[in-house]
């Protein structure tokens, strides 16, 4: 069972969150997304819509779950006394368009 979990985690690190899973957020309040995923990495304005952007990065020097730090898990901040594990590499972004009423109206995944 442990190897299956490791395989699934590795697969998740490679492919990220599928777009169809992101689409389940459409029609839901952005406040719920921010409660579940934490604050976005950044936010931009596009006309009357806000775009909440969650960036996913990986550290290639660390394997396994600790090697992936996603914006929706960014609440876990590294202690200043812990050594830096090395540079992070940008993997993909998860974008959510939010209307003025605070409802998510669209979502997308962007990769380099």
PDB file of N, CA and C in Angstrom:
ATOM      1  N   UNK A   1       0.825  -1.204   0.000  1.00  0.00           N
ATOM      2  CA  UNK A   1       0.000   0.000   0.000  1.00  0.00           C
ATOM      3  C   UNK A   1       0.857   1.250   0.000  1.00  0.00           C
ATOM      4  N   UNK A   2       1.995   1.211   0.721  1.00  0.00           N
ATOM      5  CA  UNK A   2       2.877   2.372   0.787  1.00  0.00           C
ATOM      6  C   UNK A   2       3.432   2.752  -0.567  1.00  0.00           C
ATOM      7  N   UNK A   3       3.790   1.731  -1.381  1.00  0.00           N
ATOM      8  CA  UNK A   3       4.332   2.032  -2.704  1.00  0.00           C
ATOM      9  C   UNK A   3       3.265   2.633  -3.614  1.00  0.00           C
ATOM     10  N   UNK A   4       2.004   2.216  -3.435  1.00  0.00           N
ATOM     11  CA  UNK A   4       0.928   2.801  -4.218  1.00  0.00           C
ATOM     12  C   UNK A   4       0.760   4.271  -3.881  1.00  0.00           C
ATOM     13  N   UNK A   5       0.821   4.607  -2.585  1.00  0.00           N
ATOM     14  CA  UNK A   5       0.719   6.008  -2.164  1.00  0.00           C
ATOM     15  C   UNK A   5       1.872   6.810  -2.746  1.00  0.00           C
ATOM     16  N   UNK A   6       3.101   6.256  -2.682  1.00  0.00           N
ATOM     17  CA  UNK A   6       4.261   6.957  -3.238  1.00  0.00           C
ATOM     18  C   UNK A   6       4.097   7.169  -4.734  1.00  0.00           C
ATOM     19  N   UNK A   7       3.569   6.156  -5.431  1.00  0.00           N
ATOM     20  CA  UNK A   7       3.348   6.272  -6.867  1.00  0.00           C
ATOM     21  C   UNK A   7       2.319   7.357  -7.171  1.00  0.00           C
ATOM     22  N   UNK A   8       1.238   7.385  -6.405  1.00  0.00           N
ATOM     23  CA  UNK A   8       0.211   8.407  -6.615  1.00  0.00           C
ATOM     24  C   UNK A   8       0.753   9.794  -6.324  1.00  0.00           C
ATOM     25  N   UNK A   9       1.556   9.924  -5.263  1.00  0.00           N
ATOM     26  CA  UNK A   9       2.140  11.227  -4.949  1.00  0.00           C
ATOM     27  C   UNK A   9       3.082  11.669  -6.056  1.00  0.00           C
ATOM     28  N   UNK A  10       3.885  10.747  -6.551  1.00  0.00           N
ATOM     29  CA  UNK A  10       4.800  11.086  -7.637  1.00  0.00           C
ATOM     30  C   UNK A  10       4.012  11.507  -8.874  1.00  0.00           C
ATOM     31  N   UNK A  11       2.948  10.794  -9.180  1.00  0.00           N
ATOM     32  CA  UNK A  11       2.122  11.142 -10.337  1.00  0.00           C
ATOM     33  C   UNK A  11       1.503  12.521 -10.147  1.00  0.00           C
ATOM     34  N   UNK A  12       1.068  12.840  -8.929  1.00  0.00           N
ATOM     35  CA  UNK A  12       0.483  14.147  -8.649  1.00  0.00           C
ATOM     36  C   UNK A  12       1.490  15.261  -8.811  1.00  0.00           C
ATOM     37  N   UNK A  13       2.746  14.986  -8.458  1.00  0.00           N
ATOM     38  CA  UNK A  13       3.789  15.996  -8.579  1.00  0.00           C
ATOM     39  C   UNK A  13       4.103  16.292 -10.037  1.00  0.00           C
ATOM     40  N   UNK A  14       3.960  15.288 -10.887  1.00  0.00           N
ATOM     41  CA  UNK A  14       4.286  15.452 -12.295  1.00  0.00           C
ATOM     42  C   UNK A  14       3.178  16.197 -13.024  1.00  0.00           C
ATOM     43  N   UNK A  15       1.937  15.816 -12.774  1.00  0.00           N
ATOM     44  CA  UNK A  15       0.847  16.362 -13.568  1.00  0.00           C
ATOM     45  C   UNK A  15       0.084  17.496 -12.894  1.00  0.00           C
ATOM     46  N   UNK A  16       0.205  17.653 -11.598  1.00  0.00           N
ATOM     47  CA  UNK A  16      -0.504  18.712 -10.906  1.00  0.00           C
ATOM     48  C   UNK A  16      -1.992  18.438 -10.808  1.00  0.00           C
ATOM     49  N   UNK A  17      -2.758  19.478 -10.549  1.00  0.00           N
ATOM     50  CA  UNK A  17      -4.207  19.355 -10.418  1.00  0.00           C
ATOM     51  C   UNK A  17      -4.819  19.456 -11.810  1.00  0.00           C
ATOM     52  N   UNK A  18      -5.624  18.477 -12.214  1.00  0.00           N
ATOM     53  CA  UNK A  18      -6.207  18.524 -13.558  1.00  0.00           C
ATOM     54  C   UNK A  18      -7.202  19.679 -13.714  1.00  0.00           C
ATOM     55  N   UNK A  19      -7.277  20.254 -14.934  1.00  0.00           N
ATOM     56  CA  UNK A  19      -8.187  21.375 -15.184  1.00  0.00           C
ATOM     57  C   UNK A  19      -9.635  21.070 -14.825  1.00  0.00           C
ATOM     58  N   UNK A  20     -10.087  19.819 -15.064  1.00  0.00           N
ATOM     59  CA  UNK A  20     -11.483  19.497 -14.746  1.00  0.00           C
ATOM     60  C   UNK A  20     -11.753  19.569 -13.242  1.00  0.00           C
ATOM     61  N   UNK A  21     -10.730  19.311 -12.427  1.00  0.00           N
ATOM     62  CA  UNK A  21     -10.904  19.447 -10.974  1.00  0.00           C
ATOM     63  C   UNK A  21     -10.984  20.921 -10.582  1.00  0.00           C
ATOM     64  N   UNK A  22     -10.208  21.761 -11.273  1.00  0.00           N
ATOM     65  CA  UNK A  22     -10.276  23.204 -11.004  1.00  0.00           C
ATOM     66  C   UNK A  22     -11.652  23.748 -11.363  1.00  0.00           C
ATOM     67  N   UNK A  23     -12.247  23.208 -12.435  1.00  0.00           N
ATOM     68  CA  UNK A  23     -13.556  23.692 -12.887  1.00  0.00           C
ATOM     69  C   UNK A  23     -14.638  23.482 -11.825  1.00  0.00           C
ATOM     70  N   UNK A  24     -14.404  22.565 -10.880  1.00  0.00           N
ATOM     71  CA  UNK A  24     -15.401  22.359  -9.820  1.00  0.00           C
ATOM     72  C   UNK A  24     -15.522  23.587  -8.917  1.00  0.00           C
ATOM     73  N   UNK A  25     -14.535  24.495  -8.987  1.00  0.00           N
ATOM     74  CA  UNK A  25     -14.601  25.726  -8.189  1.00  0.00           C
ATOM     75  C   UNK A  25     -15.483  26.782  -8.848  1.00  0.00           C
ATOM     76  N   UNK A  26     -15.743  26.667 -10.147  1.00  0.00           N
ATOM     77  CA  UNK A  26     -16.552  27.668 -10.852  1.00  0.00           C
ATOM     78  C   UNK A  26     -17.955  27.694 -10.238  1.00  0.00           C
ATOM     79  N   UNK A  27     -18.402  28.912  -9.912  1.00  0.00           N
ATOM     80  CA  UNK A  27     -19.709  29.098  -9.288  1.00  0.00           C
ATOM     81  C   UNK A  27     -19.640  29.160  -7.769  1.00  0.00           C
ATOM     82  N   UNK A  28     -18.472  28.857  -7.215  1.00  0.00           N
ATOM     83  CA  UNK A  28     -18.307  28.879  -5.755  1.00  0.00           C
ATOM     84  C   UNK A  28     -17.660  30.192  -5.316  1.00  0.00           C
ATOM     85  N   UNK A  29     -17.797  30.563  -4.051  1.00  0.00           N
ATOM     86  CA  UNK A  29     -17.188  31.815  -3.560  1.00  0.00           C
ATOM     87  C   UNK A  29     -15.659  31.728  -3.525  1.00  0.00           C
ATOM     88  N   UNK A  30     -15.011  32.800  -3.940  1.00  0.00           N
ATOM     89  CA  UNK A  30     -13.555  32.872  -3.874  1.00  0.00           C
ATOM     90  C   UNK A  30     -13.080  32.781  -2.425  1.00  0.00           C
ATOM     91  N   UNK A  31     -13.887  33.256  -1.499  1.00  0.00           N
ATOM     92  CA  UNK A  31     -13.521  33.190  -0.076  1.00  0.00           C
ATOM     93  C   UNK A  31     -13.345  31.740   0.371  1.00  0.00           C
ATOM     94  N   UNK A  32     -14.146  30.828  -0.175  1.00  0.00           N
ATOM     95  CA  UNK A  32     -14.027  29.406   0.162  1.00  0.00           C
ATOM     96  C   UNK A  32     -12.712  28.849  -0.385  1.00  0.00           C
ATOM     97  N   UNK A  33     -12.357  29.241  -1.609  1.00  0.00           N
ATOM     98  CA  UNK A  33     -11.088  28.818  -2.198  1.00  0.00           C
ATOM     99  C   UNK A  33      -9.925  29.291  -1.329  1.00  0.00           C
ATOM    100  N   UNK A  34      -9.954  30.560  -0.942  1.00  0.00           N
ATOM    101  CA  UNK A  34      -8.875  31.126  -0.128  1.00  0.00           C
ATOM    102  C   UNK A  34      -8.824  30.480   1.250  1.00  0.00           C
ATOM    103  N   UNK A  35      -9.965  30.069   1.770  1.00  0.00           N
ATOM    104  CA  UNK A  35      -9.983  29.375   3.058  1.00  0.00           C
ATOM    105  C   UNK A  35      -9.337  27.997   2.919  1.00  0.00           C
ATOM    106  N   UNK A  36      -9.637  27.293   1.816  1.00  0.00           N
ATOM    107  CA  UNK A  36      -9.099  25.954   1.598  1.00  0.00           C
ATOM    108  C   UNK A  36      -7.644  25.957   1.132  1.00  0.00           C
ATOM    109  N   UNK A  37      -7.285  26.862   0.245  1.00  0.00           N
ATOM    110  CA  UNK A  37      -5.955  26.876  -0.359  1.00  0.00           C
ATOM    111  C   UNK A  37      -5.016  27.896   0.264  1.00  0.00           C
ATOM    112  N   UNK A  38      -5.548  28.820   1.071  1.00  0.00           N
ATOM    113  CA  UNK A  38      -4.731  29.903   1.602  1.00  0.00           C
ATOM    114  C   UNK A  38      -4.748  31.079   0.638  1.00  0.00           C
ATOM    115  N   UNK A  39      -4.029  32.135   0.979  1.00  0.00           N
ATOM    116  CA  UNK A  39      -4.010  33.308   0.100  1.00  0.00           C
ATOM    117  C   UNK A  39      -3.298  32.985  -1.212  1.00  0.00           C
ATOM    118  N   UNK A  40      -3.729  33.608  -2.314  1.00  0.00           N
ATOM    119  CA  UNK A  40      -3.059  33.350  -3.588  1.00  0.00           C
ATOM    120  C   UNK A  40      -1.626  33.864  -3.566  1.00  0.00           C
ATOM    121  N   UNK A  41      -0.804  33.307  -4.448  1.00  0.00           N
ATOM    122  CA  UNK A  41       0.571  33.781  -4.591  1.00  0.00           C
ATOM    123  C   UNK A  41       0.564  35.233  -5.041  1.00  0.00           C
ATOM    124  N   UNK A  42      -0.345  35.510  -5.970  1.00  0.00           N
ATOM    125  CA  UNK A  42      -0.528  36.893  -6.416  1.00  0.00           C
ATOM    126  C   UNK A  42      -1.929  37.050  -6.973  1.00  0.00           C
ATOM    127  N   UNK A  43      -2.290  38.304  -7.174  1.00  0.00           N
ATOM    128  CA  UNK A  43      -3.624  38.636  -7.676  1.00  0.00           C
ATOM    129  C   UNK A  43      -3.474  39.763  -8.674  1.00  0.00           C
ATOM    130  N   UNK A  44      -4.163  39.648  -9.818  1.00  0.00           N
ATOM    131  CA  UNK A  44      -4.134  40.701 -10.828  1.00  0.00           C
ATOM    132  C   UNK A  44      -5.559  41.059 -11.225  1.00  0.00           C
ATOM    133  N   UNK A  45      -5.707  42.247 -11.765  1.00  0.00           N
ATOM    134  CA  UNK A  45      -7.013  42.732 -12.202  1.00  0.00           C
ATOM    135  C   UNK A  45      -7.093  42.603 -13.712  1.00  0.00           C
ATOM    136  N   UNK A  46      -8.227  42.112 -14.222  1.00  0.00           N
ATOM    137  CA  UNK A  46      -8.474  42.027 -15.668  1.00  0.00           C
ATOM    138  C   UNK A  46      -9.879  42.570 -15.903  1.00  0.00           C
ATOM    139  N   UNK A  47      -9.956  43.847 -16.268  1.00  0.00           N
ATOM    140  CA  UNK A  47     -11.264  44.485 -16.395  1.00  0.00           C
ATOM    141  C   UNK A  47     -11.923  44.533 -15.031  1.00  0.00           C
ATOM    142  N   UNK A  48     -13.174  44.034 -14.952  1.00  0.00           N
ATOM    143  CA  UNK A  48     -13.848  44.040 -13.649  1.00  0.00           C
ATOM    144  C   UNK A  48     -13.644  42.716 -12.898  1.00  0.00           C
ATOM    145  N   UNK A  49     -12.795  41.828 -13.435  1.00  0.00           N
ATOM    146  CA  UNK A  49     -12.522  40.549 -12.778  1.00  0.00           C
ATOM    147  C   UNK A  49     -11.168  40.571 -12.078  1.00  0.00           C
ATOM    148  N   UNK A  50     -11.092  39.868 -10.962  1.00  0.00           N
ATOM    149  CA  UNK A  50      -9.811  39.631 -10.289  1.00  0.00           C
ATOM    150  C   UNK A  50      -9.354  38.240 -10.705  1.00  0.00           C
ATOM    151  N   UNK A  51      -8.061  38.067 -10.878  1.00  0.00           N
ATOM    152  CA  UNK A  51      -7.522  36.743 -11.146  1.00  0.00           C
ATOM    153  C   UNK A  51      -6.659  36.359  -9.946  1.00  0.00           C
ATOM    154  N   UNK A  52      -7.077  35.303  -9.259  1.00  0.00           N
ATOM    155  CA  UNK A  52      -6.295  34.762  -8.151  1.00  0.00           C
ATOM    156  C   UNK A  52      -5.342  33.734  -8.746  1.00  0.00           C
ATOM    157  N   UNK A  53      -4.055  33.888  -8.480  1.00  0.00           N
ATOM    158  CA  UNK A  53      -3.040  33.010  -9.063  1.00  0.00           C
ATOM    159  C   UNK A  53      -2.313  32.261  -7.954  1.00  0.00           C
ATOM    160  N   UNK A  54      -2.352  30.951  -8.065  1.00  0.00           N
ATOM    161  CA  UNK A  54      -1.640  30.069  -7.136  1.00  0.00           C
ATOM    162  C   UNK A  54      -0.520  29.409  -7.929  1.00  0.00           C
ATOM    163  N   UNK A  55       0.728  29.686  -7.554  1.00  0.00           N
ATOM    164  CA  UNK A  55       1.862  29.137  -8.283  1.00  0.00           C
ATOM    165  C   UNK A  55       2.410  27.912  -7.561  1.00  0.00           C
ATOM    166  N   UNK A  56       2.689  26.886  -8.323  1.00  0.00           N
ATOM    167  CA  UNK A  56       3.252  25.662  -7.771  1.00  0.00           C
ATOM    168  C   UNK A  56       4.726  25.600  -8.154  1.00  0.00           C
ATOM    169  N   UNK A  57       5.567  25.321  -7.164  1.00  0.00           N
ATOM    170  CA  UNK A  57       7.006  25.197  -7.404  1.00  0.00           C
ATOM    171  C   UNK A  57       7.491  23.875  -6.837  1.00  0.00           C
ATOM    172  N   UNK A  58       8.582  23.384  -7.373  1.00  0.00           N
ATOM    173  CA  UNK A  58       9.195  22.159  -6.864  1.00  0.00           C
ATOM    174  C   UNK A  58      10.654  22.426  -6.585  1.00  0.00           C
ATOM    175  N   UNK A  59      11.192  21.688  -5.637  1.00  0.00           N
ATOM    176  CA  UNK A  59      12.616  21.739  -5.368  1.00  0.00           C
ATOM    177  C   UNK A  59      13.201  20.450  -5.914  1.00  0.00           C
ATOM    178  N   UNK A  60      13.981  20.511  -6.994  1.00  0.00           N
ATOM    179  CA  UNK A  60      14.486  19.287  -7.619  1.00  0.00           C
ATOM    180  C   UNK A  60      15.467  18.516  -6.754  1.00  0.00           C
ATOM    181  N   UNK A  61      16.013  19.121  -5.704  1.00  0.00           N
ATOM    182  CA  UNK A  61      16.983  18.435  -4.848  1.00  0.00           C
ATOM    183  C   UNK A  61      16.326  17.539  -3.814  1.00  0.00           C
ATOM    184  N   UNK A  62      15.006  17.700  -3.636  1.00  0.00           N
ATOM    185  CA  UNK A  62      14.299  16.911  -2.635  1.00  0.00           C
ATOM    186  C   UNK A  62      13.258  16.080  -3.365  1.00  0.00           C
ATOM    187  N   UNK A  63      13.215  14.789  -3.091  1.00  0.00           N
ATOM    188  CA  UNK A  63      12.212  13.955  -3.748  1.00  0.00           C
ATOM    189  C   UNK A  63      11.042  13.723  -2.809  1.00  0.00           C
ATOM    190  N   UNK A  64       9.928  13.315  -3.372  1.00  0.00           N
ATOM    191  CA  UNK A  64       8.754  13.014  -2.554  1.00  0.00           C
ATOM    192  C   UNK A  64       7.911  14.239  -2.303  1.00  0.00           C
ATOM    193  N   UNK A  65       6.999  14.107  -1.362  1.00  0.00           N
ATOM    194  CA  UNK A  65       6.036  15.157  -1.074  1.00  0.00           C
ATOM    195  C   UNK A  65       6.704  16.442  -0.606  1.00  0.00           C
ATOM    196  N   UNK A  66       7.775  16.341   0.199  1.00  0.00           N
ATOM    197  CA  UNK A  66       8.434  17.551   0.677  1.00  0.00           C
ATOM    198  C   UNK A  66       9.072  18.332  -0.469  1.00  0.00           C
ATOM    199  N   UNK A  67       9.295  17.683  -1.608  1.00  0.00           N
ATOM    200  CA  UNK A  67       9.905  18.355  -2.746  1.00  0.00           C
ATOM    201  C   UNK A  67       8.948  19.256  -3.486  1.00  0.00           C
ATOM    202  N   UNK A  68       7.674  19.178  -3.179  1.00  0.00           N
ATOM    203  CA  UNK A  68       6.686  20.013  -3.845  1.00  0.00           C
ATOM    204  C   UNK A  68       6.094  20.984  -2.846  1.00  0.00           C
ATOM    205  N   UNK A  69       6.158  22.245  -3.150  1.00  0.00           N
ATOM    206  CA  UNK A  69       5.540  23.258  -2.310  1.00  0.00           C
ATOM    207  C   UNK A  69       4.538  23.991  -3.167  1.00  0.00           C
ATOM    208  N   UNK A  70       3.281  23.810  -2.891  1.00  0.00           N
ATOM    209  CA  UNK A  70       2.244  24.457  -3.675  1.00  0.00           C
ATOM    210  C   UNK A  70       1.751  25.682  -2.950  1.00  0.00           C
ATOM    211  N   UNK A  71       1.295  26.656  -3.733  1.00  0.00           N
ATOM    212  CA  UNK A  71       0.797  27.888  -3.136  1.00  0.00           C
ATOM    213  C   UNK A  71      -0.346  27.591  -2.180  1.00  0.00           C
ATOM    214  N   UNK A  72      -1.196  26.610  -2.514  1.00  0.00           N
ATOM    215  CA  UNK A  72      -2.311  26.330  -1.623  1.00  0.00           C
ATOM    216  C   UNK A  72      -1.858  25.641  -0.351  1.00  0.00           C
ATOM    217  N   UNK A  73      -0.553  25.334  -0.253  1.00  0.00           N
ATOM    218  CA  UNK A  73       0.002  24.793   0.980  1.00  0.00           C
ATOM    219  C   UNK A  73       1.081  25.725   1.518  1.00  0.00           C
ATOM    220  N   UNK A  74       1.151  26.975   1.036  1.00  0.00           N
ATOM    221  CA  UNK A  74       2.258  27.826   1.406  1.00  0.00           C
ATOM    222  C   UNK A  74       2.225  28.288   2.837  1.00  0.00           C
ATOM    223  N   UNK A  75       1.186  27.975   3.590  1.00  0.00           N
ATOM    224  CA  UNK A  75       1.129  28.388   4.983  1.00  0.00           C
ATOM    225  C   UNK A  75       2.270  27.827   5.800  1.00  0.00           C
ATOM    226  N   UNK A  76       2.848  26.719   5.371  1.00  0.00           N
ATOM    227  CA  UNK A  76       3.969  26.115   6.086  1.00  0.00           C
ATOM    228  C   UNK A  76       5.239  26.849   5.682  1.00  0.00           C
ATOM    229  N   UNK A  77       5.655  27.787   6.501  1.00  0.00           N
ATOM    230  CA  UNK A  77       6.814  28.615   6.199  1.00  0.00           C
ATOM    231  C   UNK A  77       8.049  27.998   6.845  1.00  0.00           C
ATOM    232  N   UNK A  78       9.139  28.000   6.114  1.00  0.00           N
ATOM    233  CA  UNK A  78      10.386  27.443   6.623  1.00  0.00           C
ATOM    234  C   UNK A  78      10.942  28.318   7.734  1.00  0.00           C
ATOM    235  N   UNK A  79      11.407  27.691   8.776  1.00  0.00           N
ATOM    236  CA  UNK A  79      12.012  28.401   9.903  1.00  0.00           C
ATOM    237  C   UNK A  79      13.329  29.021   9.455  1.00  0.00           C
ATOM    238  N   UNK A  80      13.671  30.214   9.963  1.00  0.00           N
ATOM    239  CA  UNK A  80      14.921  30.856   9.561  1.00  0.00           C
ATOM    240  C   UNK A  80      16.160  30.028   9.929  1.00  0.00           C
ATOM    241  N   UNK A  81      16.082  29.161  10.965  1.00  0.00           N
ATOM    242  CA  UNK A  81      17.270  28.386  11.344  1.00  0.00           C
ATOM    243  C   UNK A  81      17.434  27.117  10.505  1.00  0.00           C
ATOM    244  N   UNK A  82      16.419  26.755   9.706  1.00  0.00           N
ATOM    245  CA  UNK A  82      16.535  25.567   8.864  1.00  0.00           C
ATOM    246  C   UNK A  82      17.349  25.913   7.619  1.00  0.00           C
ATOM    247  N   UNK A  83      18.237  25.010   7.210  1.00  0.00           N
ATOM    248  CA  UNK A  83      19.004  25.292   5.996  1.00  0.00           C
ATOM    249  C   UNK A  83      18.090  25.292   4.777  1.00  0.00           C
ATOM    250  N   UNK A  84      18.398  26.129   3.827  1.00  0.00           N
ATOM    251  CA  UNK A  84      17.615  26.196   2.601  1.00  0.00           C
ATOM    252  C   UNK A  84      17.864  24.943   1.779  1.00  0.00           C
ATOM    253  N   UNK A  85      16.789  24.277   1.310  1.00  0.00           N
ATOM    254  CA  UNK A  85      16.962  23.048   0.546  1.00  0.00           C
ATOM    255  C   UNK A  85      17.428  23.283  -0.893  1.00  0.00           C
ATOM    256  N   UNK A  86      17.583  24.497  -1.320  1.00  0.00           N
ATOM    257  CA  UNK A  86      18.012  24.777  -2.688  1.00  0.00           C
ATOM    258  C   UNK A  86      16.966  25.597  -3.412  1.00  0.00           C
ATOM    259  N   UNK A  87      17.274  26.009  -4.637  1.00  0.00           N
ATOM    260  CA  UNK A  87      16.349  26.875  -5.372  1.00  0.00           C
ATOM    261  C   UNK A  87      15.086  26.128  -5.793  1.00  0.00           C
ATOM    262  N   UNK A  88      13.992  26.842  -5.765  1.00  0.00           N
ATOM    263  CA  UNK A  88      12.717  26.285  -6.212  1.00  0.00           C
ATOM    264  C   UNK A  88      12.574  26.532  -7.711  1.00  0.00           C
ATOM    265  N   UNK A  89      11.889  25.626  -8.374  1.00  0.00           N
ATOM    266  CA  UNK A  89      11.681  25.731  -9.808  1.00  0.00           C
ATOM    267  C   UNK A  89      10.180  25.853 -10.069  1.00  0.00           C
ATOM    268  N   UNK A  90       9.793  26.873 -10.844  1.00  0.00           N
ATOM    269  CA  UNK A  90       8.396  27.090 -11.194  1.00  0.00           C
ATOM    270  C   UNK A  90       7.892  25.903 -12.016  1.00  0.00           C
ATOM    271  N   UNK A  91       6.720  25.387 -11.657  1.00  0.00           N
ATOM    272  CA  UNK A  91       6.147  24.250 -12.364  1.00  0.00           C
ATOM    273  C   UNK A  91       4.891  24.653 -13.125  1.00  0.00           C
ATOM    274  N   UNK A  92       3.913  25.235 -12.428  1.00  0.00           N
ATOM    275  CA  UNK A  92       2.663  25.618 -13.082  1.00  0.00           C
ATOM    276  C   UNK A  92       1.924  26.620 -12.205  1.00  0.00           C
ATOM    277  N   UNK A  93       0.911  27.251 -12.806  1.00  0.00           N
ATOM    278  CA  UNK A  93       0.042  28.190 -12.092  1.00  0.00           C
ATOM    279  C   UNK A  93      -1.402  27.740 -12.234  1.00  0.00           C
ATOM    280  N   UNK A  94      -2.168  27.971 -11.170  1.00  0.00           N
ATOM    281  CA  UNK A  94      -3.604  27.715 -11.176  1.00  0.00           C
ATOM    282  C   UNK A  94      -4.273  29.077 -11.088  1.00  0.00           C
ATOM    283  N   UNK A  95      -5.101  29.408 -12.081  1.00  0.00           N
ATOM    284  CA  UNK A  95      -5.738  30.724 -12.146  1.00  0.00           C
ATOM    285  C   UNK A  95      -7.239  30.598 -11.934  1.00  0.00           C
ATOM    286  N   UNK A  96      -7.773  31.540 -11.180  1.00  0.00           N
ATOM    287  CA  UNK A  96      -9.211  31.597 -10.906  1.00  0.00           C
ATOM    288  C   UNK A  96      -9.692  33.022 -11.147  1.00  0.00           C
ATOM    289  N   UNK A  97     -10.644  33.189 -12.071  1.00  0.00           N
ATOM    290  CA  UNK A  97     -11.234  34.498 -12.349  1.00  0.00           C
ATOM    291  C   UNK A  97     -12.421  34.691 -11.421  1.00  0.00           C
ATOM    292  N   UNK A  98     -12.459  35.849 -10.759  1.00  0.00           N
ATOM    293  CA  UNK A  98     -13.482  36.138  -9.748  1.00  0.00           C
ATOM    294  C   UNK A  98     -14.219  37.406 -10.146  1.00  0.00           C
ATOM    295  N   UNK A  99     -15.566  37.322 -10.162  1.00  0.00           N
ATOM    296  CA  UNK A  99     -16.368  38.495 -10.527  1.00  0.00           C
ATOM    297  C   UNK A  99     -16.477  39.454  -9.331  1.00  0.00           C
ATOM    298  N   UNK A 100     -17.037  40.665  -9.560  1.00  0.00           N
ATOM    299  CA  UNK A 100     -17.144  41.645  -8.476  1.00  0.00           C
ATOM    300  C   UNK A 100     -17.966  41.149  -7.273  1.00  0.00           C
ATOM    301  N   UNK A 101     -18.831  40.159  -7.482  1.00  0.00           N
ATOM    302  CA  UNK A 101     -19.629  39.615  -6.376  1.00  0.00           C
ATOM    303  C   UNK A 101     -18.840  38.595  -5.555  1.00  0.00           C
ATOM    304  N   UNK A 102     -17.611  38.267  -5.983  1.00  0.00           N
ATOM    305  CA  UNK A 102     -16.782  37.334  -5.226  1.00  0.00           C
ATOM    306  C   UNK A 102     -16.959  35.880  -5.622  1.00  0.00           C
ATOM    307  N   UNK A 103     -17.588  35.632  -6.781  1.00  0.00           N
ATOM    308  CA  UNK A 103     -17.822  34.272  -7.256  1.00  0.00           C
ATOM    309  C   UNK A 103     -16.794  33.912  -8.333  1.00  0.00           C
ATOM    310  N   UNK A 104     -16.275  32.698  -8.274  1.00  0.00           N
ATOM    311  CA  UNK A 104     -15.335  32.227  -9.288  1.00  0.00           C
ATOM    312  C   UNK A 104     -16.122  31.940 -10.569  1.00  0.00           C
ATOM    313  N   UNK A 105     -15.692  32.551 -11.681  1.00  0.00           N
ATOM    314  CA  UNK A 105     -16.414  32.399 -12.945  1.00  0.00           C
ATOM    315  C   UNK A 105     -15.639  31.579 -13.975  1.00  0.00           C
ATOM    316  N   UNK A 106     -14.349  31.336 -13.732  1.00  0.00           N
ATOM    317  CA  UNK A 106     -13.558  30.528 -14.659  1.00  0.00           C
ATOM    318  C   UNK A 106     -12.276  30.106 -13.956  1.00  0.00           C
ATOM    319  N   UNK A 107     -11.614  29.070 -14.514  1.00  0.00           N
ATOM    320  CA  UNK A 107     -10.341  28.612 -13.959  1.00  0.00           C
ATOM    321  C   UNK A 107      -9.500  28.037 -15.077  1.00  0.00           C
ATOM    322  N   UNK A 108      -8.184  27.967 -14.846  1.00  0.00           N
ATOM    323  CA  UNK A 108      -7.275  27.407 -15.850  1.00  0.00           C
ATOM    324  C   UNK A 108      -5.965  27.001 -15.186  1.00  0.00           C
ATOM    325  N   UNK A 109      -5.252  26.126 -15.876  1.00  0.00           N
ATOM    326  CA  UNK A 109      -3.900  25.730 -15.452  1.00  0.00           C
ATOM    327  C   UNK A 109      -2.948  26.253 -16.515  1.00  0.00           C
ATOM    328  N   UNK A 110      -1.866  26.872 -16.087  1.00  0.00           N
ATOM    329  CA  UNK A 110      -0.827  27.353 -17.019  1.00  0.00           C
ATOM    330  C   UNK A 110       0.499  26.714 -16.616  1.00  0.00           C
ATOM    331  N   UNK A 111       1.204  26.171 -17.593  1.00  0.00           N
ATOM    332  CA  UNK A 111       2.525  25.612 -17.361  1.00  0.00           C
ATOM    333  C   UNK A 111       3.508  26.282 -18.316  1.00  0.00           C
ATOM    334  N   UNK A 112       4.775  26.318 -17.937  1.00  0.00           N
ATOM    335  CA  UNK A 112       5.755  26.982 -18.814  1.00  0.00           C
ATOM    336  C   UNK A 112       5.900  26.271 -20.143  1.00  0.00           C
TER     337      UNK A 112
END
